[in-house]
Amino acid sequence: MDKLDNKILYLSFHNSLRKKFGINRVISRKEVIIKLGRQYLVPKKLRDDALKELEKMGLIECVDRSNVRIIDCELSLEKIGC
């Protein structure tokens, strides 16, 4: 079975964070984890992995243990055409 590529879902989540909190704003890690669970129904066991993937993609930056910064991304869902 091929590996599932979740990048479009991460972009969607990042877009949602940008709309709610803005760009380059430091927010609590707990808020992001809650949003992952409530809005995207990510299981608790996978939420930390999702945060690591968001950081690896350059969409967020971990400022410290309890805070993250939403980074502006050059690729936006509104700019993607079909």
N, C-alpha and C. Protein backbone atom coordinates (compact mmCIF):
# COMPACT_ATOMS: atom_id res chain seq x y z
N MET A 1 0.85 -1.18 0.00
CA MET A 1 0.00 0.00 0.00
C MET A 1 0.89 1.24 0.00
N ASP A 2 0.52 2.24 -0.79
CA ASP A 2 1.27 3.48 -0.86
C ASP A 2 1.10 4.29 0.41
N LYS A 3 2.13 5.09 0.70
CA LYS A 3 2.08 5.95 1.87
C LYS A 3 1.09 7.09 1.62
N LEU A 4 0.25 7.38 2.59
CA LEU A 4 -0.74 8.43 2.48
C LEU A 4 -0.06 9.79 2.55
N ASP A 5 -0.36 10.67 1.62
CA ASP A 5 0.22 12.00 1.58
C ASP A 5 -0.80 13.00 2.15
N ASN A 6 -0.50 13.56 3.30
CA ASN A 6 -1.44 14.43 4.01
C ASN A 6 -1.15 15.91 3.84
N LYS A 7 -0.29 16.27 2.92
CA LYS A 7 0.14 17.66 2.83
C LYS A 7 -1.00 18.63 2.57
N ILE A 8 -1.96 18.26 1.76
CA ILE A 8 -3.08 19.15 1.49
C ILE A 8 -3.92 19.36 2.75
N LEU A 9 -4.01 18.34 3.59
CA LEU A 9 -4.74 18.49 4.85
C LEU A 9 -4.00 19.42 5.81
N TYR A 10 -2.67 19.32 5.83
CA TYR A 10 -1.88 20.21 6.67
C TYR A 10 -2.00 21.65 6.18
N LEU A 11 -2.02 21.84 4.85
CA LEU A 11 -2.21 23.19 4.31
C LEU A 11 -3.57 23.74 4.69
N SER A 12 -4.57 22.90 4.65
CA SER A 12 -5.92 23.32 5.04
C SER A 12 -5.96 23.73 6.51
N PHE A 13 -5.31 22.94 7.35
CA PHE A 13 -5.27 23.26 8.79
C PHE A 13 -4.50 24.56 9.02
N HIS A 14 -3.38 24.73 8.33
CA HIS A 14 -2.58 25.95 8.47
C HIS A 14 -3.39 27.16 8.03
N ASN A 15 -4.14 27.02 6.95
CA ASN A 15 -4.99 28.10 6.46
C ASN A 15 -6.04 28.47 7.51
N SER A 16 -6.59 27.47 8.16
CA SER A 16 -7.57 27.69 9.22
C SER A 16 -6.94 28.43 10.41
N LEU A 17 -5.71 28.05 10.78
CA LEU A 17 -5.01 28.74 11.86
C LEU A 17 -4.73 30.19 11.50
N ARG A 18 -4.31 30.43 10.25
CA ARG A 18 -4.01 31.79 9.80
C ARG A 18 -5.24 32.67 9.86
N LYS A 19 -6.39 32.13 9.45
CA LYS A 19 -7.63 32.90 9.47
C LYS A 19 -8.05 33.25 10.89
N LYS A 20 -7.87 32.32 11.82
CA LYS A 20 -8.31 32.55 13.19
C LYS A 20 -7.33 33.40 13.99
N PHE A 21 -6.03 33.14 13.85
CA PHE A 21 -5.04 33.78 14.71
C PHE A 21 -4.17 34.81 14.01
N GLY A 22 -4.02 34.72 12.70
CA GLY A 22 -3.13 35.63 11.98
C GLY A 22 -1.75 35.01 11.80
N ILE A 23 -0.90 35.76 11.08
CA ILE A 23 0.43 35.27 10.74
C ILE A 23 1.45 35.81 11.75
N ASN A 24 2.49 35.01 12.01
CA ASN A 24 3.58 35.36 12.93
C ASN A 24 3.11 35.63 14.35
N ARG A 25 1.98 35.10 14.69
CA ARG A 25 1.47 35.25 16.05
C ARG A 25 1.82 34.01 16.85
N VAL A 26 2.25 34.22 18.07
CA VAL A 26 2.57 33.10 18.96
C VAL A 26 1.30 32.71 19.71
N ILE A 27 0.95 31.44 19.59
CA ILE A 27 -0.23 30.92 20.28
C ILE A 27 0.17 29.69 21.08
N SER A 28 -0.68 29.31 22.00
CA SER A 28 -0.34 28.16 22.83
C SER A 28 -0.48 26.86 22.04
N ARG A 29 0.40 25.96 22.32
CA ARG A 29 0.40 24.63 21.68
C ARG A 29 -0.92 23.92 21.98
N LYS A 30 -1.45 24.17 23.18
CA LYS A 30 -2.69 23.54 23.59
C LYS A 30 -3.85 23.96 22.69
N GLU A 31 -3.90 25.24 22.29
CA GLU A 31 -4.95 25.71 21.38
C GLU A 31 -4.90 24.98 20.05
N VAL A 32 -3.69 24.78 19.55
CA VAL A 32 -3.52 24.09 18.26
C VAL A 32 -3.95 22.63 18.39
N ILE A 33 -3.58 21.99 19.46
CA ILE A 33 -3.94 20.59 19.68
C ILE A 33 -5.46 20.44 19.82
N ILE A 34 -6.09 21.38 20.53
CA ILE A 34 -7.55 21.34 20.67
C ILE A 34 -8.22 21.52 19.31
N LYS A 35 -7.71 22.45 18.51
CA LYS A 35 -8.28 22.69 17.18
C LYS A 35 -8.10 21.46 16.28
N LEU A 36 -6.97 20.78 16.39
CA LEU A 36 -6.76 19.55 15.62
C LEU A 36 -7.81 18.50 15.98
N GLY A 37 -8.13 18.42 17.25
CA GLY A 37 -9.11 17.42 17.70
C GLY A 37 -10.54 17.79 17.37
N ARG A 38 -10.91 19.03 17.61
CA ARG A 38 -12.30 19.44 17.41
C ARG A 38 -12.66 19.63 15.94
N GLN A 39 -11.81 20.31 15.21
CA GLN A 39 -12.15 20.65 13.84
C GLN A 39 -11.78 19.54 12.85
N TYR A 40 -10.63 18.93 13.06
CA TYR A 40 -10.15 17.93 12.10
C TYR A 40 -10.25 16.49 12.61
N LEU A 41 -10.75 16.32 13.82
CA LEU A 41 -10.98 15.00 14.41
C LEU A 41 -9.75 14.11 14.40
N VAL A 42 -8.60 14.70 14.66
CA VAL A 42 -7.35 13.95 14.75
C VAL A 42 -7.32 13.26 16.11
N PRO A 43 -7.10 11.95 16.15
CA PRO A 43 -7.03 11.23 17.43
C PRO A 43 -5.91 11.78 18.32
N LYS A 44 -6.11 11.70 19.63
CA LYS A 44 -5.14 12.25 20.59
C LYS A 44 -3.73 11.71 20.36
N LYS A 45 -3.60 10.45 20.04
CA LYS A 45 -2.29 9.83 19.88
C LYS A 45 -1.52 10.40 18.68
N LEU A 46 -2.23 10.99 17.72
CA LEU A 46 -1.59 11.46 16.50
C LEU A 46 -1.39 12.98 16.47
N ARG A 47 -1.90 13.69 17.46
CA ARG A 47 -1.82 15.16 17.43
C ARG A 47 -0.40 15.68 17.54
N ASP A 48 0.42 15.08 18.37
CA ASP A 48 1.83 15.52 18.47
C ASP A 48 2.56 15.25 17.16
N ASP A 49 2.25 14.11 16.52
CA ASP A 49 2.85 13.81 15.23
C ASP A 49 2.43 14.83 14.17
N ALA A 50 1.17 15.24 14.23
CA ALA A 50 0.68 16.25 13.29
C ALA A 50 1.41 17.57 13.48
N LEU A 51 1.66 17.95 14.74
CA LEU A 51 2.41 19.18 15.01
C LEU A 51 3.83 19.08 14.47
N LYS A 52 4.45 17.92 14.62
CA LYS A 52 5.80 17.73 14.09
C LYS A 52 5.82 17.84 12.57
N GLU A 53 4.79 17.30 11.92
CA GLU A 53 4.70 17.39 10.46
C GLU A 53 4.50 18.85 10.02
N LEU A 54 3.66 19.58 10.74
CA LEU A 54 3.45 21.00 10.42
C LEU A 54 4.76 21.78 10.55
N GLU A 55 5.53 21.45 11.57
CA GLU A 55 6.82 22.13 11.76
C GLU A 55 7.80 21.72 10.66
N LYS A 56 7.82 20.46 10.31
CA LYS A 56 8.71 19.95 9.27
C LYS A 56 8.40 20.60 7.92
N MET A 57 7.12 20.89 7.66
CA MET A 57 6.71 21.52 6.41
C MET A 57 6.96 23.03 6.42
N GLY A 58 7.34 23.57 7.59
CA GLY A 58 7.60 25.00 7.68
C GLY A 58 6.35 25.84 7.83
N LEU A 59 5.29 25.25 8.35
CA LEU A 59 4.04 25.97 8.52
C LEU A 59 3.90 26.57 9.91
N ILE A 60 4.53 25.93 10.88
CA ILE A 60 4.58 26.47 12.24
C ILE A 60 6.01 26.34 12.75
N GLU A 61 6.30 27.07 13.81
CA GLU A 61 7.61 27.00 14.45
C GLU A 61 7.38 26.86 15.95
N CYS A 62 8.01 25.88 16.57
CA CYS A 62 7.89 25.71 18.01
C CYS A 62 8.79 26.73 18.70
N VAL A 63 8.18 27.66 19.41
CA VAL A 63 8.92 28.71 20.10
C VAL A 63 9.52 28.16 21.38
N ASP A 64 8.73 27.44 22.13
CA ASP A 64 9.18 26.74 23.33
C ASP A 64 8.24 25.56 23.54
N ARG A 65 8.30 24.97 24.71
CA ARG A 65 7.49 23.77 24.97
C ARG A 65 6.00 23.98 24.82
N SER A 66 5.52 25.16 25.17
CA SER A 66 4.08 25.38 25.22
C SER A 66 3.55 26.40 24.21
N ASN A 67 4.40 26.89 23.32
CA ASN A 67 3.95 27.89 22.35
C ASN A 67 4.48 27.59 20.95
N VAL A 68 3.67 27.95 19.96
CA VAL A 68 4.07 27.82 18.56
C VAL A 68 3.79 29.13 17.84
N ARG A 69 4.52 29.35 16.75
CA ARG A 69 4.32 30.53 15.92
C ARG A 69 3.80 30.07 14.57
N ILE A 70 2.75 30.74 14.08
CA ILE A 70 2.20 30.45 12.76
C ILE A 70 3.03 31.21 11.74
N ILE A 71 3.62 30.49 10.82
CA ILE A 71 4.51 31.08 9.83
C ILE A 71 3.74 31.29 8.53
N ASP A 72 4.03 32.41 7.86
CA ASP A 72 3.41 32.68 6.57
C ASP A 72 3.96 31.69 5.55
N CYS A 73 3.08 31.10 4.79
CA CYS A 73 3.46 30.10 3.79
C CYS A 73 3.24 30.69 2.40
N GLU A 74 4.20 30.46 1.51
CA GLU A 74 4.08 30.96 0.14
C GLU A 74 2.93 30.29 -0.61
N LEU A 75 2.66 29.05 -0.29
CA LEU A 75 1.59 28.30 -0.95
C LEU A 75 0.32 28.40 -0.14
N SER A 76 -0.73 28.88 -0.75
CA SER A 76 -2.00 29.06 -0.08
C SER A 76 -3.08 28.26 -0.80
N LEU A 77 -4.06 27.78 -0.06
CA LEU A 77 -5.13 27.00 -0.68
C LEU A 77 -5.94 27.83 -1.66
N GLU A 78 -6.06 29.13 -1.41
CA GLU A 78 -6.82 30.00 -2.30
C GLU A 78 -6.11 30.18 -3.64
N LYS A 79 -4.78 30.02 -3.65
CA LYS A 79 -4.01 30.22 -4.86
C LYS A 79 -3.90 28.95 -5.70
N ILE A 80 -4.30 27.82 -5.14
CA ILE A 80 -4.21 26.55 -5.85
C ILE A 80 -5.41 26.43 -6.78
N GLY A 81 -5.14 26.25 -8.04
CA GLY A 81 -6.22 26.10 -9.02
C GLY A 81 -6.31 24.67 -9.49
N CYS A 82 -7.49 24.27 -9.90
CA CYS A 82 -7.69 22.91 -10.40
C CYS A 82 -7.72 22.90 -11.90
